[in-house]
Amino acid sequence: MNKKKFRFWDKTQGRYRDNLALSENGAILMLNEHQDWEIYRGKKQFVVEQYTGLQDKNGKDVYEGDIVELKAGNYCERFVVEYDCGGFTPFVDMVGQFNREELCDAVSAGDYEVVGNIHENPELLAEK
């Protein structure tokens, strides 16, 4: 069974933190100065983003909150990876613009690329 992976955006510090983990019951754990895990009891300053199990065409892990660029046929679009209806749905908003066969081919071929994330690169969603 694959272990679930998460990343944590710190809204206060404006960066991803690597000294955090998620317990089986959903509590955020923080690695203390003694290298022991303890339950984080501070204010809700973290955005928890789960790994989708997918990698882009460059082998980069795809997480919730990533901005992904998809090229299929004559189309090239950027969109945000989100969790919806029991699964990750990065392509849900793009179905209307893509021929379904082109979309399936692009996804199957891994013809998409993580170009940023919503926290550090929101301007990428406005660019065309």
N, C-alpha and C. Protein backbone atom coordinates (compact mmCIF):
# COMPACT_ATOMS: atom_id res chain seq x y z
N MET A 1 0.84 -1.19 0.00
CA MET A 1 0.00 0.00 0.00
C MET A 1 0.89 1.25 0.00
N ASN A 2 0.54 2.20 -0.83
CA ASN A 2 1.32 3.44 -0.90
C ASN A 2 1.02 4.33 0.29
N LYS A 3 2.07 4.91 0.84
CA LYS A 3 1.91 5.85 1.95
C LYS A 3 1.48 7.20 1.38
N LYS A 4 0.49 7.81 2.00
CA LYS A 4 0.04 9.12 1.55
C LYS A 4 1.10 10.15 1.89
N LYS A 5 1.29 11.08 0.95
CA LYS A 5 2.26 12.16 1.16
C LYS A 5 1.51 13.49 1.19
N PHE A 6 2.01 14.39 2.02
CA PHE A 6 1.40 15.70 2.15
C PHE A 6 2.50 16.76 2.15
N ARG A 7 2.10 17.97 1.79
CA ARG A 7 2.98 19.13 1.98
C ARG A 7 2.16 20.18 2.71
N PHE A 8 2.87 21.11 3.36
CA PHE A 8 2.22 22.05 4.25
C PHE A 8 2.65 23.48 3.90
N TRP A 9 1.68 24.30 3.51
CA TRP A 9 1.93 25.72 3.23
C TRP A 9 1.68 26.48 4.53
N ASP A 10 2.68 27.23 4.97
CA ASP A 10 2.57 28.04 6.18
C ASP A 10 2.08 29.43 5.77
N LYS A 11 0.84 29.74 6.10
CA LYS A 11 0.24 31.03 5.72
C LYS A 11 0.92 32.20 6.42
N THR A 12 1.45 31.97 7.61
CA THR A 12 2.11 33.03 8.36
C THR A 12 3.48 33.36 7.79
N GLN A 13 4.26 32.32 7.48
CA GLN A 13 5.63 32.52 6.98
C GLN A 13 5.70 32.62 5.46
N GLY A 14 4.61 32.28 4.76
CA GLY A 14 4.58 32.37 3.31
C GLY A 14 5.54 31.42 2.62
N ARG A 15 5.61 30.18 3.13
CA ARG A 15 6.51 29.18 2.53
C ARG A 15 6.03 27.78 2.90
N TYR A 16 6.53 26.80 2.13
CA TYR A 16 6.26 25.41 2.48
C TYR A 16 7.18 25.00 3.62
N ARG A 17 6.64 24.18 4.53
CA ARG A 17 7.41 23.71 5.69
C ARG A 17 7.67 22.23 5.54
N ASP A 18 8.88 21.80 5.87
CA ASP A 18 9.22 20.39 5.74
C ASP A 18 9.37 19.68 7.08
N ASN A 19 9.09 20.36 8.16
CA ASN A 19 9.20 19.74 9.48
C ASN A 19 7.83 19.37 10.04
N LEU A 20 6.87 19.11 9.16
CA LEU A 20 5.50 18.79 9.57
C LEU A 20 5.08 17.46 8.95
N ALA A 21 4.11 16.82 9.58
CA ALA A 21 3.54 15.57 9.07
C ALA A 21 2.07 15.53 9.51
N LEU A 22 1.34 14.58 8.97
CA LEU A 22 -0.06 14.41 9.32
C LEU A 22 -0.22 13.05 9.97
N SER A 23 -0.86 13.01 11.15
CA SER A 23 -1.08 11.74 11.85
C SER A 23 -2.23 10.99 11.18
N GLU A 24 -2.42 9.74 11.55
CA GLU A 24 -3.50 8.94 10.98
C GLU A 24 -4.87 9.52 11.29
N ASN A 25 -5.00 10.26 12.40
CA ASN A 25 -6.29 10.86 12.75
C ASN A 25 -6.42 12.30 12.26
N GLY A 26 -5.46 12.77 11.46
CA GLY A 26 -5.56 14.10 10.86
C GLY A 26 -4.93 15.23 11.63
N ALA A 27 -4.29 14.94 12.75
CA ALA A 27 -3.62 15.99 13.52
C ALA A 27 -2.29 16.34 12.85
N ILE A 28 -1.96 17.62 12.88
CA ILE A 28 -0.67 18.06 12.34
C ILE A 28 0.40 17.83 13.39
N LEU A 29 1.48 17.18 12.96
CA LEU A 29 2.60 16.90 13.84
C LEU A 29 3.79 17.77 13.43
N MET A 30 4.52 18.25 14.43
CA MET A 30 5.68 19.10 14.17
C MET A 30 6.92 18.45 14.78
N LEU A 31 8.00 18.47 14.03
CA LEU A 31 9.26 17.93 14.51
C LEU A 31 9.90 18.99 15.42
N ASN A 32 10.13 18.62 16.69
CA ASN A 32 10.68 19.60 17.64
C ASN A 32 12.21 19.61 17.59
N GLU A 33 12.81 20.43 18.44
CA GLU A 33 14.27 20.59 18.44
C GLU A 33 15.02 19.32 18.84
N HIS A 34 14.31 18.34 19.44
CA HIS A 34 14.92 17.07 19.83
C HIS A 34 14.67 15.99 18.76
N GLN A 35 14.13 16.40 17.62
CA GLN A 35 13.82 15.50 16.52
C GLN A 35 12.74 14.48 16.88
N ASP A 36 11.81 14.90 17.76
CA ASP A 36 10.66 14.09 18.13
C ASP A 36 9.40 14.75 17.55
N TRP A 37 8.44 13.92 17.15
CA TRP A 37 7.18 14.45 16.64
C TRP A 37 6.26 14.79 17.80
N GLU A 38 5.64 15.96 17.75
CA GLU A 38 4.65 16.35 18.75
C GLU A 38 3.48 17.00 18.03
N ILE A 39 2.30 16.92 18.65
CA ILE A 39 1.10 17.49 18.05
C ILE A 39 1.21 19.01 18.03
N TYR A 40 0.97 19.59 16.87
CA TYR A 40 0.99 21.05 16.74
C TYR A 40 -0.31 21.59 17.33
N ARG A 41 -0.20 22.50 18.28
CA ARG A 41 -1.38 23.03 18.97
C ARG A 41 -1.59 24.52 18.71
N GLY A 42 -0.90 25.07 17.75
CA GLY A 42 -1.02 26.50 17.44
C GLY A 42 -2.27 26.81 16.63
N LYS A 43 -2.34 28.04 16.18
CA LYS A 43 -3.48 28.46 15.37
C LYS A 43 -3.44 27.77 14.01
N LYS A 44 -4.53 27.83 13.30
CA LYS A 44 -4.64 27.16 12.00
C LYS A 44 -3.94 27.97 10.93
N GLN A 45 -2.63 27.79 10.84
CA GLN A 45 -1.84 28.58 9.90
C GLN A 45 -1.36 27.76 8.72
N PHE A 46 -1.72 26.47 8.67
CA PHE A 46 -1.21 25.61 7.61
C PHE A 46 -2.30 25.18 6.64
N VAL A 47 -1.94 25.15 5.37
CA VAL A 47 -2.79 24.56 4.34
C VAL A 47 -2.17 23.21 4.02
N VAL A 48 -2.93 22.14 4.22
CA VAL A 48 -2.43 20.79 3.97
C VAL A 48 -2.83 20.39 2.55
N GLU A 49 -1.83 19.97 1.77
CA GLU A 49 -2.07 19.58 0.38
C GLU A 49 -1.56 18.16 0.17
N GLN A 50 -2.42 17.31 -0.41
CA GLN A 50 -2.09 15.89 -0.59
C GLN A 50 -1.50 15.62 -1.96
N TYR A 51 -0.56 14.70 -2.01
CA TYR A 51 0.03 14.21 -3.25
C TYR A 51 -1.04 13.42 -4.00
N THR A 52 -1.14 13.63 -5.30
CA THR A 52 -2.19 12.98 -6.11
C THR A 52 -1.84 11.56 -6.52
N GLY A 53 -0.58 11.19 -6.41
CA GLY A 53 -0.14 9.90 -6.92
C GLY A 53 0.34 10.00 -8.36
N LEU A 54 0.26 11.20 -8.95
CA LEU A 54 0.68 11.44 -10.33
C LEU A 54 1.99 12.21 -10.36
N GLN A 55 2.70 12.05 -11.44
CA GLN A 55 3.89 12.86 -11.70
C GLN A 55 3.73 13.49 -13.08
N ASP A 56 4.28 14.69 -13.23
CA ASP A 56 4.18 15.36 -14.53
C ASP A 56 5.21 14.78 -15.50
N LYS A 57 5.27 15.35 -16.69
CA LYS A 57 6.16 14.81 -17.73
C LYS A 57 7.64 14.90 -17.37
N ASN A 58 7.97 15.70 -16.34
CA ASN A 58 9.35 15.83 -15.88
C ASN A 58 9.64 14.99 -14.64
N GLY A 59 8.64 14.20 -14.21
CA GLY A 59 8.81 13.36 -13.03
C GLY A 59 8.55 14.07 -11.72
N LYS A 60 8.00 15.28 -11.77
CA LYS A 60 7.70 16.05 -10.55
C LYS A 60 6.36 15.60 -9.96
N ASP A 61 6.33 15.37 -8.65
CA ASP A 61 5.09 15.00 -7.97
C ASP A 61 4.05 16.10 -8.12
N VAL A 62 2.78 15.68 -8.32
CA VAL A 62 1.68 16.63 -8.47
C VAL A 62 0.86 16.62 -7.18
N TYR A 63 0.71 17.80 -6.57
CA TYR A 63 -0.03 17.97 -5.32
C TYR A 63 -1.26 18.86 -5.54
N GLU A 64 -2.20 18.76 -4.60
CA GLU A 64 -3.28 19.73 -4.57
C GLU A 64 -2.67 21.12 -4.52
N GLY A 65 -3.29 22.07 -5.18
CA GLY A 65 -2.79 23.44 -5.15
C GLY A 65 -1.75 23.73 -6.21
N ASP A 66 -1.29 22.70 -6.92
CA ASP A 66 -0.34 22.93 -8.00
C ASP A 66 -1.05 23.55 -9.20
N ILE A 67 -0.32 24.35 -9.94
CA ILE A 67 -0.80 24.87 -11.21
C ILE A 67 -0.15 24.01 -12.28
N VAL A 68 -0.99 23.36 -13.07
CA VAL A 68 -0.53 22.42 -14.08
C VAL A 68 -0.88 22.96 -15.45
N GLU A 69 0.05 22.81 -16.38
CA GLU A 69 -0.19 23.21 -17.77
C GLU A 69 -0.39 21.94 -18.59
N LEU A 70 -1.50 21.90 -19.30
CA LEU A 70 -1.85 20.74 -20.11
C LEU A 70 -1.89 21.16 -21.57
N LYS A 71 -1.20 20.38 -22.39
CA LYS A 71 -1.22 20.62 -23.83
C LYS A 71 -1.85 19.41 -24.49
N ALA A 72 -2.87 19.65 -25.29
CA ALA A 72 -3.54 18.57 -26.02
C ALA A 72 -4.05 19.14 -27.33
N GLY A 73 -3.64 18.54 -28.42
CA GLY A 73 -4.07 19.03 -29.72
C GLY A 73 -3.62 20.47 -29.91
N ASN A 74 -4.57 21.34 -30.23
CA ASN A 74 -4.28 22.76 -30.44
C ASN A 74 -4.44 23.59 -29.17
N TYR A 75 -4.72 22.96 -28.06
CA TYR A 75 -5.01 23.68 -26.82
C TYR A 75 -3.85 23.61 -25.84
N CYS A 76 -3.74 24.67 -25.07
CA CYS A 76 -2.78 24.72 -23.96
C CYS A 76 -3.45 25.52 -22.86
N GLU A 77 -3.67 24.89 -21.71
CA GLU A 77 -4.36 25.55 -20.60
C GLU A 77 -3.62 25.29 -19.30
N ARG A 78 -3.78 26.21 -18.36
CA ARG A 78 -3.29 26.05 -16.99
C ARG A 78 -4.50 25.94 -16.07
N PHE A 79 -4.35 25.12 -15.04
CA PHE A 79 -5.44 24.96 -14.10
C PHE A 79 -4.88 24.51 -12.76
N VAL A 80 -5.72 24.58 -11.73
CA VAL A 80 -5.33 24.22 -10.37
C VAL A 80 -5.79 22.79 -10.08
N VAL A 81 -4.92 22.00 -9.49
CA VAL A 81 -5.27 20.65 -9.08
C VAL A 81 -6.07 20.75 -7.79
N GLU A 82 -7.25 20.13 -7.77
CA GLU A 82 -8.13 20.19 -6.60
C GLU A 82 -8.65 18.80 -6.26
N TYR A 83 -9.09 18.62 -5.03
CA TYR A 83 -9.73 17.38 -4.59
C TYR A 83 -11.22 17.63 -4.63
N ASP A 84 -11.94 16.79 -5.35
CA ASP A 84 -13.38 17.00 -5.51
C ASP A 84 -14.06 15.66 -5.77
N CYS A 85 -15.22 15.47 -5.16
CA CYS A 85 -16.03 14.27 -5.40
C CYS A 85 -15.26 12.98 -5.19
N GLY A 86 -14.44 12.93 -4.16
CA GLY A 86 -13.74 11.71 -3.80
C GLY A 86 -12.47 11.43 -4.58
N GLY A 87 -11.99 12.41 -5.35
CA GLY A 87 -10.76 12.19 -6.11
C GLY A 87 -10.14 13.50 -6.55
N PHE A 88 -8.96 13.41 -7.11
CA PHE A 88 -8.28 14.60 -7.62
C PHE A 88 -8.81 14.87 -9.02
N THR A 89 -9.21 16.11 -9.25
CA THR A 89 -9.84 16.44 -10.52
C THR A 89 -9.16 17.64 -11.17
N PRO A 90 -7.92 17.46 -11.59
CA PRO A 90 -7.24 18.59 -12.22
C PRO A 90 -7.79 18.97 -13.58
N PHE A 91 -8.50 18.07 -14.21
CA PHE A 91 -8.92 18.31 -15.58
C PHE A 91 -10.41 18.62 -15.69
N VAL A 92 -11.12 18.70 -14.58
CA VAL A 92 -12.58 18.82 -14.63
C VAL A 92 -13.05 20.09 -15.34
N ASP A 93 -12.38 21.20 -15.16
CA ASP A 93 -12.81 22.45 -15.79
C ASP A 93 -12.39 22.55 -17.25
N MET A 94 -11.52 21.66 -17.68
CA MET A 94 -10.99 21.76 -19.03
C MET A 94 -11.75 20.90 -20.03
N VAL A 95 -12.64 20.03 -19.55
CA VAL A 95 -13.30 19.08 -20.44
C VAL A 95 -14.03 19.79 -21.58
N GLY A 96 -14.64 20.92 -21.31
CA GLY A 96 -15.37 21.63 -22.34
C GLY A 96 -14.50 22.17 -23.46
N GLN A 97 -13.21 22.40 -23.19
CA GLN A 97 -12.32 22.98 -24.19
C GLN A 97 -11.53 21.94 -24.96
N PHE A 98 -11.52 20.71 -24.47
CA PHE A 98 -10.73 19.66 -25.10
C PHE A 98 -11.64 18.62 -25.71
N ASN A 99 -11.22 18.08 -26.82
CA ASN A 99 -11.83 16.89 -27.36
C ASN A 99 -11.52 15.79 -26.35
N ARG A 100 -12.52 15.03 -25.93
CA ARG A 100 -12.34 14.03 -24.87
C ARG A 100 -11.20 13.05 -25.21
N GLU A 101 -11.09 12.66 -26.45
CA GLU A 101 -10.03 11.73 -26.85
C GLU A 101 -8.66 12.38 -26.69
N GLU A 102 -8.54 13.66 -27.09
CA GLU A 102 -7.27 14.39 -26.93
C GLU A 102 -6.91 14.51 -25.45
N LEU A 103 -7.91 14.80 -24.63
CA LEU A 103 -7.69 14.95 -23.19
C LEU A 103 -7.19 13.65 -22.60
N CYS A 104 -7.86 12.55 -22.89
CA CYS A 104 -7.47 11.24 -22.36
C CYS A 104 -6.06 10.87 -22.82
N ASP A 105 -5.77 11.14 -24.09
CA ASP A 105 -4.44 10.85 -24.62
C ASP A 105 -3.37 11.66 -23.89
N ALA A 106 -3.65 12.95 -23.66
CA ALA A 106 -2.67 13.83 -23.00
C ALA A 106 -2.43 13.39 -21.56
N VAL A 107 -3.50 13.04 -20.85
CA VAL A 107 -3.36 12.61 -19.46
C VAL A 107 -2.64 11.27 -19.40
N SER A 108 -3.03 10.33 -20.24
CA SER A 108 -2.39 9.02 -20.25
C SER A 108 -0.91 9.12 -20.60
N ALA A 109 -0.59 10.02 -21.50
CA ALA A 109 0.80 10.19 -21.93
C ALA A 109 1.61 11.02 -20.93
N GLY A 110 0.95 11.55 -19.92
CA GLY A 110 1.65 12.40 -18.96
C GLY A 110 2.09 13.71 -19.58
N ASP A 111 1.31 14.19 -20.55
CA ASP A 111 1.68 15.40 -21.29
C ASP A 111 1.20 16.66 -20.57
N TYR A 112 1.56 16.75 -19.30
CA TYR A 112 1.24 17.92 -18.50
C TYR A 112 2.43 18.23 -17.62
N GLU A 113 2.49 19.47 -17.15
CA GLU A 113 3.66 19.91 -16.39
C GLU A 113 3.24 20.81 -15.25
N VAL A 114 3.81 20.58 -14.07
CA VAL A 114 3.63 21.48 -12.94
C VAL A 114 4.46 22.72 -13.22
N VAL A 115 3.78 23.88 -13.29
CA VAL A 115 4.49 25.13 -13.59
C VAL A 115 4.56 26.05 -12.37
N GLY A 116 3.89 25.67 -11.28
CA GLY A 116 3.91 26.48 -10.07
C GLY A 116 2.83 26.00 -9.11
N ASN A 117 2.46 26.87 -8.16
CA ASN A 117 1.38 26.55 -7.22
C ASN A 117 0.64 27.83 -6.87
N ILE A 118 -0.54 27.66 -6.29
CA ILE A 118 -1.43 28.81 -6.04
C ILE A 118 -0.88 29.77 -4.99
N HIS A 119 0.03 29.33 -4.15
CA HIS A 119 0.56 30.19 -3.10
C HIS A 119 1.71 31.06 -3.58
N GLU A 120 2.64 30.44 -4.29
CA GLU A 120 3.85 31.15 -4.72
C GLU A 120 3.73 31.77 -6.11
N ASN A 121 2.79 31.27 -6.92
CA ASN A 121 2.71 31.71 -8.32
C ASN A 121 1.29 31.97 -8.78
N PRO A 122 0.46 32.69 -8.04
CA PRO A 122 -0.93 32.89 -8.48
C PRO A 122 -1.03 33.63 -9.80
N GLU A 123 0.00 34.41 -10.15
CA GLU A 123 -0.03 35.16 -11.40
C GLU A 123 -0.05 34.25 -12.62
N LEU A 124 0.37 33.00 -12.47
CA LEU A 124 0.37 32.08 -13.60
C LEU A 124 -1.04 31.75 -14.09
N LEU A 125 -2.02 31.91 -13.23
CA LEU A 125 -3.40 31.64 -13.63
C LEU A 125 -3.97 32.78 -14.46
N ALA A 126 -3.42 33.97 -14.32
CA ALA A 126 -3.90 35.12 -15.08
C ALA A 126 -3.22 35.21 -16.43
N GLU A 127 -2.03 34.62 -16.57
CA GLU A 127 -1.27 34.68 -17.83
C GLU A 127 -1.88 33.76 -18.86
N LYS A 128 -1.84 34.17 -20.08
CA LYS A 128 -2.31 33.33 -21.19
C LYS A 128 -1.30 33.35 -22.27
